[in-house]
Protein backbone atom coordinates (compact mmCIF):
# COMPACT_ATOMS: atom_id res chain seq x y z
CA MET A 1 0.00 0.00 0.00
CA ILE A 2 1.11 3.55 -0.67
CA ILE A 3 1.27 4.44 3.04
CA ASP A 4 3.83 1.69 3.67
CA GLU A 5 5.89 2.89 0.70
CA LEU A 6 5.80 6.49 1.91
CA LEU A 7 6.77 5.40 5.42
CA GLN A 8 9.79 3.56 4.04
CA ARG A 9 10.85 6.53 1.91
CA ARG A 10 10.59 8.90 4.86
CA GLY A 11 12.19 6.41 7.24
CA ILE A 12 9.46 6.65 9.88
CA THR A 13 7.33 4.10 11.68
CA LYS A 14 3.57 3.71 11.69
CA TYR A 15 3.59 4.81 15.29
CA ARG A 16 5.44 8.05 14.42
CA LEU A 17 3.01 8.72 11.56
CA ALA A 18 0.03 8.15 13.85
CA VAL A 19 1.45 10.63 16.37
CA ASP A 20 2.40 13.21 13.72
CA ALA A 21 -0.98 12.94 11.99
CA GLY A 22 -3.03 12.84 15.17
CA VAL A 23 -4.66 9.60 14.07
CA PRO A 24 -5.10 6.66 16.47
CA HIS A 25 -2.40 4.02 15.99
CA ALA A 26 -5.06 1.31 15.81
CA THR A 27 -6.78 3.16 12.96
CA LEU A 28 -3.53 3.42 11.01
CA ASN A 29 -2.79 -0.28 11.59
CA ASP A 30 -6.25 -1.18 10.32
CA ILE A 31 -5.69 0.90 7.19
CA CYS A 32 -2.24 -0.55 6.52
CA SER A 33 -3.38 -4.14 7.10
CA GLY A 34 -6.35 -3.72 4.76
CA LYS A 35 -8.90 -4.23 7.54
CA THR A 36 -10.15 -0.69 6.90
CA ARG A 37 -10.17 0.66 3.37
CA LEU A 38 -8.77 4.15 2.96
CA GLU A 39 -11.75 5.26 0.87
CA LYS A 40 -14.02 4.37 3.80
CA CYS A 41 -12.11 6.66 6.20
CA SER A 42 -13.27 10.15 7.01
CA ALA A 43 -11.94 12.98 4.87
CA GLU A 44 -10.31 14.38 8.00
CA THR A 45 -8.33 11.17 8.62
CA VAL A 46 -7.17 10.95 4.99
CA TYR A 47 -6.20 14.65 5.04
CA LYS A 48 -4.21 14.27 8.26
CA LEU A 49 -2.34 11.25 6.91
CA ALA A 50 -1.60 12.93 3.59
CA LYS A 51 -0.35 16.07 5.30
CA ALA A 52 1.88 14.12 7.71
CA LEU A 53 3.29 12.06 4.82
CA GLY A 54 3.89 15.10 2.64
CA GLY A 55 1.61 13.74 -0.07
CA SER A 56 -1.76 14.62 -1.48
CA VAL A 57 -5.17 13.32 -0.53
CA GLU A 58 -5.67 12.34 -4.17
CA LEU A 59 -2.54 10.17 -4.15
CA LEU A 60 -3.68 8.27 -1.07
CA VAL A 61 -7.27 7.79 -2.23
CA GLU A 62 -6.34 6.78 -5.78
CA SER A 63 -3.79 4.27 -4.50
CA GLY A 64 -6.42 2.85 -2.14
CA LEU A 65 -8.88 2.46 -5.00
CA ARG A 66 -6.25 0.80 -7.20
CA ALA A 67 -5.44 -1.63 -4.38
CA ALA A 68 -9.14 -2.46 -3.97
CA GLN A 69 -9.52 -3.06 -7.72
CA ARG A 70 -6.40 -5.26 -7.75
CA GLU A 71 -7.76 -7.24 -4.81
CA ARG A 72 -11.07 -7.82 -6.57
CA SER A 73 -9.32 -8.90 -9.76
CA TYR A 74 -6.76 -11.08 -7.92
CA GLU A 75 -9.15 -12.85 -5.58
CA TYR A 76 -12.10 -13.66 -7.84
CA GLY A 77 -12.44 -15.43 -11.16
CA LEU A 78 -9.60 -17.81 -10.34
CA PRO A 79 -9.36 -21.41 -11.57
CA GLU A 80 -12.06 -23.40 -9.79
CA TYR A 81 -9.66 -25.39 -7.57
CA LEU A 82 -7.79 -22.25 -6.46
CA GLN A 83 -10.99 -20.30 -5.84
CA HIS A 84 -12.31 -23.17 -3.74
CA ASP A 85 -9.15 -23.38 -1.63
CA LEU A 86 -8.95 -19.59 -1.21
CA ASP A 87 -12.59 -19.40 -0.10
CA ALA A 88 -12.09 -22.32 2.30
CA TYR A 89 -9.00 -20.64 3.77
CA LYS A 90 -10.85 -17.32 4.22
CA GLU A 91 -13.74 -19.14 5.89
CA GLY A 92 -11.33 -21.00 8.16
CA LEU A 93 -9.76 -17.69 9.20
CA ALA A 94 -13.14 -16.15 9.85
CA HIS A 95 -14.33 -19.03 12.00
CA GLY A 96 -11.08 -19.96 13.75
CA SER A 97 -10.90 -23.42 12.20
CA ASP A 98 -8.77 -26.09 13.88
CA LEU A 99 -7.69 -27.18 10.40
CA MET A 100 -5.82 -24.00 9.40
CA ASP A 101 -2.58 -25.88 8.79
CA CYS A 102 -4.37 -28.15 6.31
CA LEU A 103 -6.18 -25.24 4.66
CA TRP A 104 -2.85 -23.38 4.44
CA GLY A 105 -1.22 -26.33 2.71
CA GLU A 106 -4.08 -26.73 0.25
CA LEU A 107 -3.98 -23.04 -0.65
CA TYR A 108 -0.20 -23.08 -0.98
CA GLY A 109 -0.35 -26.03 -3.35
CA SER A 110 -3.17 -24.57 -5.41
CA ILE A 111 -1.35 -21.25 -5.86
CA ASN A 112 1.76 -23.09 -7.01
CA ILE A 113 -0.16 -25.32 -9.43
CA ALA A 114 -2.05 -22.35 -10.87
CA GLU A 115 1.18 -20.42 -11.37
CA VAL A 116 3.69 -23.07 -12.41
CA SER A 117 1.84 -26.05 -13.83
CA ASP A 118 -1.31 -24.52 -15.30
CA ASP A 119 0.05 -21.04 -16.09
CA ALA A 120 -3.38 -19.77 -15.00
CA ILE A 121 -2.05 -16.88 -12.90
CA THR A 122 1.01 -14.67 -13.22
CA PRO A 123 3.94 -14.74 -10.79
CA GLU A 124 2.81 -11.28 -9.57
CA HIS A 125 -0.68 -12.64 -8.93
CA ALA A 126 0.73 -15.67 -7.08
CA ASP A 127 3.00 -13.44 -4.97
CA TYR A 128 0.03 -11.24 -4.07
CA LEU A 129 -1.95 -14.24 -2.81
CA ARG A 130 1.02 -15.66 -0.92
CA GLN A 131 1.82 -12.36 0.77
CA LYS A 132 -1.76 -11.62 1.71
CA TYR A 133 -2.72 -15.05 3.02
CA LEU A 134 0.20 -17.39 3.52
CA TRP A 135 3.01 -15.20 4.79
CA ARG A 136 0.85 -12.90 6.89
CA THR A 137 1.57 -12.43 10.57
CA GLN A 138 -0.71 -14.57 12.68
CA ARG A 139 -2.89 -12.60 15.07
């Protein structure tokens, strides 16, 4: 997300940005993790973040919309087996399934098959799915 990129360029932490912008740290974490979409935030919050990052409101909002469009295009309309395993993994996360290790393995295998064997998704697409679901920090 653009906020993470801007943080890296400026060499500051999310905590420092939250303090500088006057935005709750939890709110910023939710935005950066994708739990809260930037376009759903108040104009005041987006303005404060843009000002503290030295960017424009338009840059933040447009990047948030692009990320949402990419997510929709990368997580739907997949090969049937991959869509099934992704949906099962999401449902397992949502309901705290005891079988998360199995669901993880199934999703991992399906992503690899779709990318390498079937050439049904691009390496960028596969990396997106891996980063978002498989390599994420467990909560």
